[in-house]
Each structure stands twice: as C-alpha cells, then as structure tokens.
Amino acid sequence: MRPGCPARTPAPTPSGPSRRSRSCWPWPAAPGRAPASTNSPNTACWSAGPCWRSWRTTVRPPARSRRPGWVHGDFHPLNVLYRDAEPTAIVDWDRLGVHPRAEEAVRAAAIFFVRPCGTLDLAKVAAYAGAYRRTCHAGADELAAAVHRVWWERLNDFWMLTWRYQLGDRRTDPQFPAAAALAVWWTREYRAVRNAFTG
C-alpha cells in the first residue's frame, strides 16, 4: 500500500436500485435524450428509473465561478520546466484564454497533488489553495464554486476512453486508473476537498 492511500475494501454487491441502474446502458447520445433505440428494453428505465434521474442531475453543469481572467488552460507538471528544484519556465500555451481563474487553480491542484491511488494530498492542496487565496484575493465562495464545477467536469470527462477506444491511442492508459479513482474518491470526500480549498 502506498503512503497516504487507503487500504482497498471490497465493493458492496449491488442490489435494489443500483442493480437496476447498471442495466440501463447505453447512456443517451446527448443530454436530455433517451437511448437511440426506442425499442430498447431499457427505455422505461431511462424515462423513470434511477439512470435517468442520475443522468439528468449530472448532465447539467453548475454555474461557472466568477472573476474570469487570463489562464494557461493546460497547467500541469509536464508543462513546467525546472532547473534543480526551481521552476524556470511554463510551456505549451496553445490553450491560453480568458476563463474563470479559480477553476484553473482547482484543475491544476487536482493534477499536481493527486496520488497514484487516486486520492488528493489534502494537506498540500490546503497550503496551495491558501497561497492562491492570499495572492489572488479569492474568496471562499469563489473557490467552493470552482471545486464544484471541476468535480462535475471530472464526472463527465471521458477523454481518456475516447483516445483509447475511438482513436486507438493507448498513451493515456497509465493515467486512467488514478483519474477514475479520483472521481470516485472526490465524490465520497466532497466536503473535505471543498474545505481544503476554501480554508
């Protein structure tokens, strides 16, 4: 077991609504639409069952946090160059644009401080977020909104699966276990993550 990573526990056996929801594939092609085949035995499940309720609540993004500004757009460890332990340059500016600044800060923390098992080092997140709030004069409400938005994005982001199964590109395969685990862990520890950012 890696330091800071909880021991694995067996997943509970699905029963009741959760068993039913597992049978409700495939997901709709677009928000608010039923599965492509209206003759599918799952159509009734989608119209009234737990899958549709889950999809309906998940697919609507929360409101964007305020205070837009110029952001890098793809800030992660591979885009930071170092000399010894000191950062010397930030590269890969093709996604530069005006976006909510706090969301960029939360996304960066979720990349910089994720452990291999898919949990965040919340002590480091709290120190980072505290420095961000002091430097950028960001309030707790702004950070809370950004945490919620980025969490929602993580739940609905399948780019690694798109690369692998649609593009046949397996370069992201090593990243997938931690990314998938982070979405689950973040959902379970939502309040702790929010509190680490908001102080």
N, C-alpha and C. Protein backbone atom coordinates (compact mmCIF):
# COMPACT_ATOMS: atom_id res chain seq x y z
N MET A 1 0.85 -1.20 0.00
CA MET A 1 0.00 0.00 0.00
C MET A 1 0.88 1.25 0.00
N ARG A 2 0.56 2.22 -0.88
CA ARG A 2 1.35 3.44 -0.97
C ARG A 2 1.04 4.36 0.19
N PRO A 3 2.02 5.18 0.63
CA PRO A 3 1.75 6.13 1.72
C PRO A 3 0.61 7.06 1.36
N GLY A 4 -0.29 7.26 2.31
CA GLY A 4 -1.41 8.18 2.09
C GLY A 4 -2.57 7.59 1.34
N CYS A 5 -2.44 6.34 0.87
CA CYS A 5 -3.51 5.70 0.12
C CYS A 5 -4.24 4.72 1.02
N PRO A 6 -5.55 4.81 1.10
CA PRO A 6 -6.29 3.92 1.99
C PRO A 6 -6.25 2.49 1.49
N ALA A 7 -6.42 1.56 2.43
CA ALA A 7 -6.49 0.15 2.04
C ALA A 7 -7.75 -0.07 1.22
N ARG A 8 -7.66 -0.96 0.26
CA ARG A 8 -8.81 -1.26 -0.57
C ARG A 8 -9.79 -2.13 0.19
N THR A 9 -11.08 -1.84 0.04
CA THR A 9 -12.12 -2.67 0.63
C THR A 9 -12.99 -3.20 -0.48
N PRO A 10 -13.54 -4.41 -0.34
CA PRO A 10 -14.38 -4.96 -1.40
C PRO A 10 -15.59 -4.08 -1.65
N ALA A 11 -15.95 -3.92 -2.90
CA ALA A 11 -17.14 -3.14 -3.25
C ALA A 11 -18.38 -3.90 -2.82
N PRO A 12 -19.40 -3.20 -2.34
CA PRO A 12 -20.63 -3.89 -1.95
C PRO A 12 -21.32 -4.50 -3.15
N THR A 13 -22.02 -5.61 -2.93
CA THR A 13 -22.76 -6.25 -4.02
C THR A 13 -23.96 -5.40 -4.35
N PRO A 14 -24.12 -5.03 -5.64
CA PRO A 14 -25.26 -4.18 -5.98
C PRO A 14 -26.58 -4.88 -5.72
N SER A 15 -27.55 -4.12 -5.25
CA SER A 15 -28.88 -4.66 -5.03
C SER A 15 -29.87 -3.52 -5.18
N GLY A 16 -31.12 -3.85 -5.37
CA GLY A 16 -32.16 -2.83 -5.47
C GLY A 16 -31.92 -1.89 -6.63
N PRO A 17 -32.11 -0.57 -6.41
CA PRO A 17 -31.99 0.40 -7.50
C PRO A 17 -30.63 0.39 -8.17
N SER A 18 -29.53 0.16 -7.39
CA SER A 18 -28.22 0.19 -8.01
C SER A 18 -28.06 -0.92 -9.02
N ARG A 19 -28.65 -2.11 -8.75
CA ARG A 19 -28.57 -3.20 -9.73
C ARG A 19 -29.32 -2.80 -10.99
N ARG A 20 -30.49 -2.17 -10.80
CA ARG A 20 -31.27 -1.76 -11.95
C ARG A 20 -30.52 -0.72 -12.77
N SER A 21 -29.86 0.23 -12.09
CA SER A 21 -29.18 1.30 -12.82
C SER A 21 -28.05 0.75 -13.66
N ARG A 22 -27.42 -0.36 -13.23
CA ARG A 22 -26.34 -0.93 -14.02
C ARG A 22 -26.85 -1.51 -15.33
N SER A 23 -28.15 -1.79 -15.42
CA SER A 23 -28.69 -2.38 -16.63
C SER A 23 -29.19 -1.33 -17.61
N CYS A 24 -28.97 -0.07 -17.32
CA CYS A 24 -29.56 1.00 -18.12
C CYS A 24 -28.64 1.54 -19.19
N TRP A 25 -27.65 0.80 -19.60
CA TRP A 25 -26.75 1.24 -20.66
C TRP A 25 -27.43 1.06 -21.99
N PRO A 26 -27.06 1.74 -23.07
CA PRO A 26 -26.02 2.76 -23.08
C PRO A 26 -26.55 4.11 -22.61
N TRP A 27 -25.61 5.02 -22.28
CA TRP A 27 -26.01 6.37 -21.92
C TRP A 27 -26.61 7.05 -23.13
N PRO A 28 -27.46 8.06 -22.92
CA PRO A 28 -28.01 8.80 -24.06
C PRO A 28 -26.90 9.45 -24.88
N ALA A 29 -27.17 9.65 -26.15
CA ALA A 29 -26.17 10.27 -27.03
C ALA A 29 -26.01 11.75 -26.72
N ALA A 30 -27.02 12.38 -26.18
CA ALA A 30 -26.95 13.81 -25.88
C ALA A 30 -27.79 14.08 -24.65
N PRO A 31 -27.50 15.17 -23.93
CA PRO A 31 -28.26 15.49 -22.73
C PRO A 31 -29.75 15.58 -23.00
N GLY A 32 -30.54 14.97 -22.14
CA GLY A 32 -31.98 15.07 -22.23
C GLY A 32 -32.62 14.18 -23.26
N ARG A 33 -31.84 13.28 -23.89
CA ARG A 33 -32.40 12.41 -24.91
C ARG A 33 -32.36 10.97 -24.43
N ALA A 34 -33.37 10.22 -24.82
CA ALA A 34 -33.42 8.81 -24.47
C ALA A 34 -32.42 8.04 -25.30
N PRO A 35 -32.17 6.76 -24.99
CA PRO A 35 -31.26 5.97 -25.81
C PRO A 35 -31.69 5.96 -27.26
N ALA A 36 -30.75 5.74 -28.17
CA ALA A 36 -31.02 5.83 -29.59
C ALA A 36 -32.13 4.88 -30.01
N SER A 37 -32.17 3.68 -29.47
CA SER A 37 -33.19 2.71 -29.84
C SER A 37 -34.37 2.85 -28.90
N THR A 38 -35.52 3.31 -29.44
CA THR A 38 -36.70 3.46 -28.60
C THR A 38 -37.34 2.12 -28.31
N ASN A 39 -36.92 1.07 -29.03
CA ASN A 39 -37.45 -0.26 -28.77
C ASN A 39 -36.64 -0.99 -27.72
N SER A 40 -35.62 -0.35 -27.20
CA SER A 40 -34.76 -0.98 -26.21
C SER A 40 -35.55 -1.28 -24.95
N PRO A 41 -35.31 -2.46 -24.34
CA PRO A 41 -36.00 -2.75 -23.07
C PRO A 41 -35.59 -1.80 -21.96
N ASN A 42 -34.52 -1.04 -22.18
CA ASN A 42 -34.07 -0.11 -21.15
C ASN A 42 -34.77 1.25 -21.23
N THR A 43 -35.60 1.45 -22.26
CA THR A 43 -36.22 2.76 -22.43
C THR A 43 -37.06 3.15 -21.22
N ALA A 44 -37.82 2.20 -20.68
CA ALA A 44 -38.64 2.51 -19.50
C ALA A 44 -37.76 2.89 -18.32
N CYS A 45 -36.63 2.21 -18.22
CA CYS A 45 -35.71 2.53 -17.13
C CYS A 45 -35.20 3.94 -17.28
N TRP A 46 -34.90 4.33 -18.51
CA TRP A 46 -34.38 5.68 -18.73
C TRP A 46 -35.42 6.74 -18.43
N SER A 47 -36.68 6.47 -18.77
CA SER A 47 -37.69 7.51 -18.62
C SER A 47 -38.10 7.71 -17.17
N ALA A 48 -38.00 6.67 -16.35
CA ALA A 48 -38.48 6.81 -14.98
C ALA A 48 -37.54 6.27 -13.93
N GLY A 49 -36.51 5.59 -14.34
CA GLY A 49 -35.66 4.90 -13.39
C GLY A 49 -34.51 5.73 -12.87
N PRO A 50 -33.68 5.11 -12.03
CA PRO A 50 -32.57 5.82 -11.39
C PRO A 50 -31.52 6.30 -12.38
N CYS A 51 -31.35 5.59 -13.52
CA CYS A 51 -30.36 6.04 -14.50
C CYS A 51 -30.71 7.42 -15.02
N TRP A 52 -31.97 7.60 -15.40
CA TRP A 52 -32.37 8.87 -15.98
C TRP A 52 -32.27 9.99 -14.96
N ARG A 53 -32.70 9.71 -13.73
CA ARG A 53 -32.59 10.74 -12.70
C ARG A 53 -31.13 11.11 -12.48
N SER A 54 -30.25 10.10 -12.46
CA SER A 54 -28.82 10.36 -12.28
C SER A 54 -28.27 11.16 -13.44
N TRP A 55 -28.61 10.76 -14.66
CA TRP A 55 -28.11 11.47 -15.85
C TRP A 55 -28.59 12.91 -15.86
N ARG A 56 -29.89 13.08 -15.53
CA ARG A 56 -30.48 14.42 -15.58
C ARG A 56 -29.81 15.36 -14.61
N THR A 57 -29.45 14.89 -13.43
CA THR A 57 -28.81 15.76 -12.45
C THR A 57 -27.34 15.95 -12.74
N THR A 58 -26.69 14.95 -13.34
CA THR A 58 -25.26 15.05 -13.60
C THR A 58 -24.98 15.88 -14.84
N VAL A 59 -25.86 15.81 -15.84
CA VAL A 59 -25.54 16.42 -17.12
C VAL A 59 -25.62 17.93 -17.09
N ARG A 60 -26.33 18.49 -16.15
CA ARG A 60 -26.44 19.94 -16.07
C ARG A 60 -25.25 20.50 -15.31
N PRO A 61 -24.41 21.27 -15.97
CA PRO A 61 -23.23 21.78 -15.27
C PRO A 61 -23.63 22.86 -14.27
N PRO A 62 -22.93 22.92 -13.15
CA PRO A 62 -23.18 24.02 -12.22
C PRO A 62 -22.75 25.33 -12.83
N ALA A 63 -23.24 26.42 -12.28
CA ALA A 63 -22.87 27.74 -12.79
C ALA A 63 -21.36 27.93 -12.68
N ARG A 64 -20.80 28.62 -13.66
CA ARG A 64 -19.36 28.89 -13.62
C ARG A 64 -19.04 29.86 -12.50
N SER A 65 -17.86 29.65 -11.90
CA SER A 65 -17.41 30.60 -10.90
C SER A 65 -17.09 31.92 -11.58
N ARG A 66 -17.14 32.99 -10.82
CA ARG A 66 -16.97 34.32 -11.40
C ARG A 66 -15.49 34.69 -11.49
N ARG A 67 -15.23 35.96 -11.81
CA ARG A 67 -13.89 36.52 -11.91
C ARG A 67 -13.05 35.82 -12.97
N PRO A 68 -13.44 35.97 -14.24
CA PRO A 68 -12.60 35.41 -15.29
C PRO A 68 -11.30 36.20 -15.43
N GLY A 69 -10.32 35.58 -16.02
CA GLY A 69 -9.03 36.22 -16.26
C GLY A 69 -8.22 35.37 -17.22
N TRP A 70 -7.06 35.84 -17.59
CA TRP A 70 -6.20 35.09 -18.49
C TRP A 70 -5.62 33.90 -17.74
N VAL A 71 -5.80 32.71 -18.32
CA VAL A 71 -5.27 31.49 -17.71
C VAL A 71 -4.52 30.68 -18.77
N HIS A 72 -3.62 29.84 -18.31
CA HIS A 72 -2.81 28.99 -19.19
C HIS A 72 -3.67 28.01 -19.96
N GLY A 73 -4.61 27.38 -19.28
CA GLY A 73 -5.53 26.47 -19.94
C GLY A 73 -5.14 25.00 -19.89
N ASP A 74 -3.88 24.70 -19.58
CA ASP A 74 -3.43 23.30 -19.52
C ASP A 74 -2.25 23.20 -18.56
N PHE A 75 -2.44 23.72 -17.37
CA PHE A 75 -1.34 23.82 -16.42
C PHE A 75 -1.19 22.51 -15.65
N HIS A 76 -0.12 21.78 -15.91
CA HIS A 76 0.16 20.52 -15.22
C HIS A 76 1.67 20.31 -15.17
N PRO A 77 2.14 19.32 -14.41
CA PRO A 77 3.59 19.17 -14.20
C PRO A 77 4.43 19.05 -15.46
N LEU A 78 3.90 18.44 -16.51
CA LEU A 78 4.70 18.28 -17.73
C LEU A 78 4.89 19.59 -18.49
N ASN A 79 4.10 20.60 -18.12
CA ASN A 79 4.25 21.90 -18.79
C ASN A 79 5.04 22.90 -17.94
N VAL A 80 5.67 22.42 -16.90
CA VAL A 80 6.54 23.25 -16.07
C VAL A 80 7.96 22.71 -16.16
N LEU A 81 8.90 23.57 -16.53
CA LEU A 81 10.30 23.17 -16.63
C LEU A 81 11.05 23.64 -15.39
N TYR A 82 11.97 22.80 -14.94
CA TYR A 82 12.70 23.09 -13.70
C TYR A 82 14.21 23.08 -13.96
N ARG A 83 14.93 23.85 -13.17
CA ARG A 83 16.38 23.74 -13.04
C ARG A 83 16.64 23.44 -11.58
N ASP A 84 17.14 22.24 -11.32
CA ASP A 84 17.23 21.72 -9.95
C ASP A 84 15.80 21.68 -9.38
N ALA A 85 15.56 22.35 -8.30
CA ALA A 85 14.21 22.33 -7.71
C ALA A 85 13.41 23.59 -8.03
N GLU A 86 13.99 24.49 -8.81
CA GLU A 86 13.33 25.78 -9.07
C GLU A 86 12.65 25.77 -10.44
N PRO A 87 11.37 26.18 -10.50
CA PRO A 87 10.72 26.30 -11.81
C PRO A 87 11.37 27.41 -12.63
N THR A 88 11.62 27.14 -13.90
CA THR A 88 12.26 28.13 -14.76
C THR A 88 11.38 28.58 -15.93
N ALA A 89 10.40 27.77 -16.31
CA ALA A 89 9.55 28.15 -17.45
C ALA A 89 8.25 27.36 -17.43
N ILE A 90 7.23 27.96 -18.01
CA ILE A 90 5.95 27.28 -18.25
C ILE A 90 5.77 27.25 -19.76
N VAL A 91 5.49 26.07 -20.32
CA VAL A 91 5.40 25.91 -21.77
C VAL A 91 3.99 25.47 -22.17
N ASP A 92 3.78 25.36 -23.48
CA ASP A 92 2.53 24.84 -24.06
C ASP A 92 1.37 25.79 -23.81
N TRP A 93 1.42 26.94 -24.45
CA TRP A 93 0.44 28.00 -24.21
C TRP A 93 -0.69 28.01 -25.25
N ASP A 94 -0.91 26.92 -25.96
CA ASP A 94 -1.90 26.95 -27.04
C ASP A 94 -3.34 27.05 -26.54
N ARG A 95 -3.58 26.82 -25.25
CA ARG A 95 -4.93 26.93 -24.71
C ARG A 95 -5.12 28.21 -23.89
N LEU A 96 -4.22 29.15 -24.04
CA LEU A 96 -4.35 30.43 -23.34
C LEU A 96 -5.68 31.08 -23.68
N GLY A 97 -6.36 31.56 -22.64
CA GLY A 97 -7.64 32.21 -22.89
C GLY A 97 -8.18 32.84 -21.62
N VAL A 98 -9.29 33.53 -21.76
CA VAL A 98 -9.95 34.16 -20.62
C VAL A 98 -11.01 33.19 -20.09
N HIS A 99 -10.79 32.70 -18.89
CA HIS A 99 -11.67 31.72 -18.25
C HIS A 99 -11.70 32.00 -16.75
N PRO A 100 -12.62 31.36 -16.04
CA PRO A 100 -12.63 31.54 -14.57
C PRO A 100 -11.30 31.11 -13.96
N ARG A 101 -10.65 32.01 -13.28
CA ARG A 101 -9.30 31.75 -12.75
C ARG A 101 -9.29 30.68 -11.67
N ALA A 102 -10.30 30.70 -10.81
CA ALA A 102 -10.32 29.73 -9.71
C ALA A 102 -10.46 28.31 -10.23
N GLU A 103 -11.19 28.13 -11.32
CA GLU A 103 -11.33 26.79 -11.89
C GLU A 103 -9.99 26.27 -12.40
N GLU A 104 -9.20 27.13 -12.99
CA GLU A 104 -7.87 26.74 -13.44
C GLU A 104 -7.02 26.32 -12.24
N ALA A 105 -7.15 27.04 -11.14
CA ALA A 105 -6.38 26.70 -9.93
C ALA A 105 -6.78 25.35 -9.37
N VAL A 106 -8.09 25.07 -9.36
CA VAL A 106 -8.56 23.78 -8.85
C VAL A 106 -8.12 22.64 -9.76
N ARG A 107 -8.24 22.83 -11.08
CA ARG A 107 -7.80 21.79 -12.02
C ARG A 107 -6.32 21.48 -11.84
N ALA A 108 -5.52 22.52 -11.69
CA ALA A 108 -4.08 22.32 -11.52
C ALA A 108 -3.80 21.53 -10.24
N ALA A 109 -4.48 21.87 -9.16
CA ALA A 109 -4.26 21.16 -7.89
C ALA A 109 -4.64 19.69 -8.02
N ALA A 110 -5.72 19.42 -8.76
CA ALA A 110 -6.17 18.04 -8.94
C ALA A 110 -5.18 17.21 -9.75
N ILE A 111 -4.29 17.87 -10.47
CA ILE A 111 -3.26 17.17 -11.24
C ILE A 111 -1.96 17.10 -10.44
N PHE A 112 -1.56 18.22 -9.87
CA PHE A 112 -0.28 18.28 -9.15
C PHE A 112 -0.29 17.43 -7.88
N PHE A 113 -1.43 17.35 -7.19
CA PHE A 113 -1.45 16.75 -5.87
C PHE A 113 -2.22 15.43 -5.80
N VAL A 114 -2.46 14.80 -6.96
CA VAL A 114 -3.12 13.50 -6.95
C VAL A 114 -2.09 12.42 -6.68
N ARG A 115 -2.47 11.47 -5.84
CA ARG A 115 -1.60 10.33 -5.54
C ARG A 115 -1.86 9.23 -6.57
N PRO A 116 -0.94 8.28 -6.71
CA PRO A 116 -1.13 7.20 -7.68
C PRO A 116 -2.40 6.38 -7.48
N CYS A 117 -2.90 6.34 -6.24
CA CYS A 117 -4.12 5.57 -5.97
C CYS A 117 -5.39 6.38 -6.21
N GLY A 118 -5.26 7.63 -6.65
CA GLY A 118 -6.44 8.41 -6.98
C GLY A 118 -7.04 9.19 -5.83
N THR A 119 -6.24 9.57 -4.84
CA THR A 119 -6.69 10.46 -3.78
C THR A 119 -5.85 11.73 -3.86
N LEU A 120 -6.37 12.81 -3.31
CA LEU A 120 -5.61 14.06 -3.27
C LEU A 120 -4.90 14.19 -1.94
N ASP A 121 -3.70 14.74 -1.98
CA ASP A 121 -2.98 15.08 -0.75
C ASP A 121 -3.58 16.39 -0.25
N LEU A 122 -4.55 16.30 0.64
CA LEU A 122 -5.31 17.48 1.05
C LEU A 122 -4.48 18.48 1.84
N ALA A 123 -3.42 18.02 2.51
CA ALA A 123 -2.55 18.97 3.21
C ALA A 123 -1.85 19.88 2.20
N LYS A 124 -1.37 19.31 1.12
CA LYS A 124 -0.73 20.12 0.08
C LYS A 124 -1.75 20.99 -0.64
N VAL A 125 -2.93 20.44 -0.88
CA VAL A 125 -3.99 21.22 -1.51
C VAL A 125 -4.32 22.44 -0.65
N ALA A 126 -4.44 22.25 0.65
CA ALA A 126 -4.79 23.35 1.55
C ALA A 126 -3.71 24.43 1.54
N ALA A 127 -2.44 24.03 1.55
CA ALA A 127 -1.35 25.02 1.52
C ALA A 127 -1.35 25.78 0.20
N TYR A 128 -1.52 25.06 -0.89
CA TYR A 128 -1.57 25.67 -2.23
C TYR A 128 -2.75 26.63 -2.33
N ALA A 129 -3.94 26.17 -1.90
CA ALA A 129 -5.15 26.99 -2.02
C ALA A 129 -5.05 28.23 -1.12
N GLY A 130 -4.44 28.07 0.05
CA GLY A 130 -4.27 29.22 0.93
C GLY A 130 -3.41 30.29 0.27
N ALA A 131 -2.32 29.87 -0.37
CA ALA A 131 -1.46 30.82 -1.08
C ALA A 131 -2.21 31.45 -2.24
N TYR A 132 -3.01 30.66 -2.93
CA TYR A 132 -3.79 31.20 -4.06
C TYR A 132 -4.79 32.25 -3.57
N ARG A 133 -5.50 31.95 -2.49
CA ARG A 133 -6.49 32.90 -1.97
C ARG A 133 -5.83 34.21 -1.56
N ARG A 134 -4.68 34.11 -0.89
CA ARG A 134 -3.99 35.33 -0.45
C ARG A 134 -3.47 36.14 -1.63
N THR A 135 -2.89 35.46 -2.61
CA THR A 135 -2.27 36.15 -3.74
C THR A 135 -3.31 36.75 -4.69
N CYS A 136 -4.38 36.00 -4.95
CA CYS A 136 -5.38 36.43 -5.93
C CYS A 136 -6.61 37.06 -5.30
N HIS A 137 -6.60 37.18 -3.97
CA HIS A 137 -7.74 37.76 -3.25
C HIS A 137 -9.05 37.05 -3.61
N ALA A 138 -8.96 35.73 -3.67
CA ALA A 138 -10.14 34.92 -3.99
C ALA A 138 -10.86 34.54 -2.71
N GLY A 139 -12.18 34.64 -2.73
CA GLY A 139 -12.96 34.31 -1.56
C GLY A 139 -13.32 32.84 -1.50
N ALA A 140 -13.81 32.42 -0.33
CA ALA A 140 -14.19 31.03 -0.14
C ALA A 140 -15.32 30.62 -1.09
N ASP A 141 -16.28 31.51 -1.32
CA ASP A 141 -17.40 31.18 -2.21
C ASP A 141 -16.91 30.92 -3.63
N GLU A 142 -15.96 31.72 -4.08
CA GLU A 142 -15.41 31.55 -5.43
C GLU A 142 -14.71 30.20 -5.56
N LEU A 143 -13.93 29.83 -4.55
CA LEU A 143 -13.24 28.54 -4.58
C LEU A 143 -14.22 27.39 -4.47
N ALA A 144 -15.25 27.53 -3.63
CA ALA A 144 -16.24 26.47 -3.50
C ALA A 144 -16.96 26.22 -4.82
N ALA A 145 -17.31 27.31 -5.52
CA ALA A 145 -17.96 27.16 -6.82
C ALA A 145 -17.03 26.49 -7.82
N ALA A 146 -15.75 26.84 -7.78
CA ALA A 146 -14.79 26.24 -8.70
C ALA A 146 -14.59 24.76 -8.41
N VAL A 147 -14.53 24.40 -7.12
CA VAL A 147 -14.41 22.99 -6.75
C VAL A 147 -15.59 22.20 -7.29
N HIS A 148 -16.78 22.75 -7.14
CA HIS A 148 -17.97 22.04 -7.61
C HIS A 148 -17.96 21.88 -9.13
N ARG A 149 -17.56 22.92 -9.83
CA ARG A 149 -17.54 22.86 -11.29
C ARG A 149 -16.51 21.83 -11.78
N VAL A 150 -15.32 21.85 -11.22
CA VAL A 150 -14.28 20.93 -11.67
C VAL A 150 -14.63 19.49 -11.29
N TRP A 151 -15.23 19.29 -10.12
CA TRP A 151 -15.71 17.96 -9.75
C TRP A 151 -16.72 17.44 -10.76
N TRP A 152 -17.66 18.30 -11.15
CA TRP A 152 -18.67 17.92 -12.14
C TRP A 152 -18.00 17.58 -13.47
N GLU A 153 -17.00 18.37 -13.88
CA GLU A 153 -16.30 18.08 -15.12
C GLU A 153 -15.64 16.71 -15.07
N ARG A 154 -15.03 16.38 -13.94
CA ARG A 154 -14.37 15.07 -13.78
C ARG A 154 -15.36 13.93 -13.95
N LEU A 155 -16.57 14.10 -13.45
CA LEU A 155 -17.58 13.04 -13.56
C LEU A 155 -18.03 12.84 -15.00
N ASN A 156 -17.90 13.85 -15.82
CA ASN A 156 -18.41 13.80 -17.19
C ASN A 156 -17.32 13.82 -18.25
N ASP A 157 -16.08 13.61 -17.86
CA ASP A 157 -14.95 13.71 -18.78
C ASP A 157 -14.44 12.32 -19.15
N PHE A 158 -14.61 11.94 -20.40
CA PHE A 158 -14.22 10.61 -20.86
C PHE A 158 -13.13 10.68 -21.93
N TRP A 159 -12.30 11.73 -21.90
CA TRP A 159 -11.33 11.90 -22.98
C TRP A 159 -10.33 10.76 -23.06
N MET A 160 -9.95 10.17 -21.94
CA MET A 160 -9.00 9.06 -21.98
C MET A 160 -9.61 7.84 -22.66
N LEU A 161 -10.89 7.59 -22.41
CA LEU A 161 -11.56 6.49 -23.07
C LEU A 161 -11.74 6.76 -24.56
N THR A 162 -11.98 8.02 -24.90
CA THR A 162 -12.08 8.38 -26.32
C THR A 162 -10.77 8.11 -27.03
N TRP A 163 -9.66 8.51 -26.42
CA TRP A 163 -8.35 8.26 -27.02
C TRP A 163 -8.15 6.77 -27.25
N ARG A 164 -8.46 5.96 -26.24
CA ARG A 164 -8.16 4.54 -26.33
C ARG A 164 -9.06 3.81 -27.30
N TYR A 165 -10.38 4.02 -27.18
CA TYR A 165 -11.32 3.20 -27.93
C TYR A 165 -11.74 3.78 -29.27
N GLN A 166 -11.75 5.09 -29.40
CA GLN A 166 -12.13 5.68 -30.67
C GLN A 166 -10.93 6.03 -31.53
N LEU A 167 -9.85 6.47 -30.89
CA LEU A 167 -8.66 6.86 -31.64
C LEU A 167 -7.60 5.76 -31.67
N GLY A 168 -7.78 4.72 -30.86
CA GLY A 168 -6.80 3.65 -30.81
C GLY A 168 -5.46 4.08 -30.25
N ASP A 169 -5.45 5.13 -29.43
CA ASP A 169 -4.23 5.68 -28.87
C ASP A 169 -4.17 5.31 -27.39
N ARG A 170 -3.19 4.50 -27.01
CA ARG A 170 -3.13 3.99 -25.64
C ARG A 170 -2.16 4.77 -24.75
N ARG A 171 -1.72 5.92 -25.19
CA ARG A 171 -0.75 6.66 -24.38
C ARG A 171 -1.30 7.11 -23.04
N THR A 172 -2.63 7.27 -22.95
CA THR A 172 -3.21 7.73 -21.68
C THR A 172 -3.57 6.58 -20.75
N ASP A 173 -3.39 5.34 -21.19
CA ASP A 173 -3.78 4.19 -20.36
C ASP A 173 -3.20 4.24 -18.94
N PRO A 174 -1.91 4.58 -18.77
CA PRO A 174 -1.37 4.61 -17.41
C PRO A 174 -2.03 5.65 -16.50
N GLN A 175 -2.64 6.69 -17.08
CA GLN A 175 -3.26 7.74 -16.27
C GLN A 175 -4.67 7.38 -15.82
N PHE A 176 -5.30 6.43 -16.53
CA PHE A 176 -6.72 6.18 -16.30
C PHE A 176 -7.06 5.66 -14.91
N PRO A 177 -6.32 4.69 -14.35
CA PRO A 177 -6.73 4.20 -13.02
C PRO A 177 -6.81 5.30 -11.96
N ALA A 178 -5.81 6.17 -11.90
CA ALA A 178 -5.83 7.24 -10.90
C ALA A 178 -6.94 8.25 -11.20
N ALA A 179 -7.15 8.57 -12.48
CA ALA A 179 -8.19 9.54 -12.84
C ALA A 179 -9.57 9.01 -12.49
N ALA A 180 -9.82 7.74 -12.78
CA ALA A 180 -11.12 7.14 -12.46
C ALA A 180 -11.31 7.05 -10.94
N ALA A 181 -10.26 6.65 -10.26
CA ALA A 181 -10.35 6.54 -8.80
C ALA A 181 -10.56 7.90 -8.15
N LEU A 182 -9.95 8.94 -8.72
CA LEU A 182 -10.11 10.28 -8.16
C LEU A 182 -11.56 10.73 -8.22
N ALA A 183 -12.26 10.45 -9.32
CA ALA A 183 -13.66 10.85 -9.43
C ALA A 183 -14.49 10.20 -8.33
N VAL A 184 -14.24 8.93 -8.06
CA VAL A 184 -14.98 8.22 -7.02
C VAL A 184 -14.62 8.77 -5.64
N TRP A 185 -13.32 8.92 -5.39
CA TRP A 185 -12.87 9.41 -4.08
C TRP A 185 -13.35 10.84 -3.83
N TRP A 186 -13.26 11.70 -4.84
CA TRP A 186 -13.68 13.09 -4.70
C TRP A 186 -15.16 13.16 -4.35
N THR A 187 -15.97 12.32 -4.97
CA THR A 187 -17.40 12.30 -4.67
C THR A 187 -17.63 11.91 -3.21
N ARG A 188 -16.90 10.91 -2.75
CA ARG A 188 -17.07 10.45 -1.37
C ARG A 188 -16.55 11.48 -0.37
N GLU A 189 -15.47 12.16 -0.72
CA GLU A 189 -14.82 13.12 0.20
C GLU A 189 -15.06 14.57 -0.24
N TYR A 190 -16.23 14.81 -0.82
CA TYR A 190 -16.51 16.12 -1.43
C TYR A 190 -16.31 17.26 -0.44
N ARG A 191 -16.85 17.14 0.76
CA ARG A 191 -16.76 18.24 1.74
C ARG A 191 -15.31 18.48 2.15
N ALA A 192 -14.56 17.40 2.34
CA ALA A 192 -13.16 17.56 2.75
C ALA A 192 -12.36 18.26 1.66
N VAL A 193 -12.63 17.92 0.40
CA VAL A 193 -11.92 18.57 -0.71
C VAL A 193 -12.30 20.05 -0.77
N ARG A 194 -13.60 20.33 -0.68
CA ARG A 194 -14.05 21.74 -0.70
C ARG A 194 -13.42 22.53 0.45
N ASN A 195 -13.40 21.94 1.63
CA ASN A 195 -12.83 22.65 2.77
C ASN A 195 -11.34 22.91 2.63
N ALA A 196 -10.64 21.98 1.97
CA ALA A 196 -9.21 22.18 1.75
C ALA A 196 -8.97 23.39 0.86
N PHE A 197 -9.85 23.63 -0.08
CA PHE A 197 -9.70 24.78 -0.98
C PHE A 197 -10.21 26.09 -0.36
N THR A 198 -11.24 26.00 0.44
CA THR A 198 -11.87 27.23 0.92
C THR A 198 -11.28 27.70 2.25
N GLY A 199 -10.55 26.84 2.97
CA GLY A 199 -9.88 27.23 4.19
C GLY A 199 -10.76 27.20 5.43
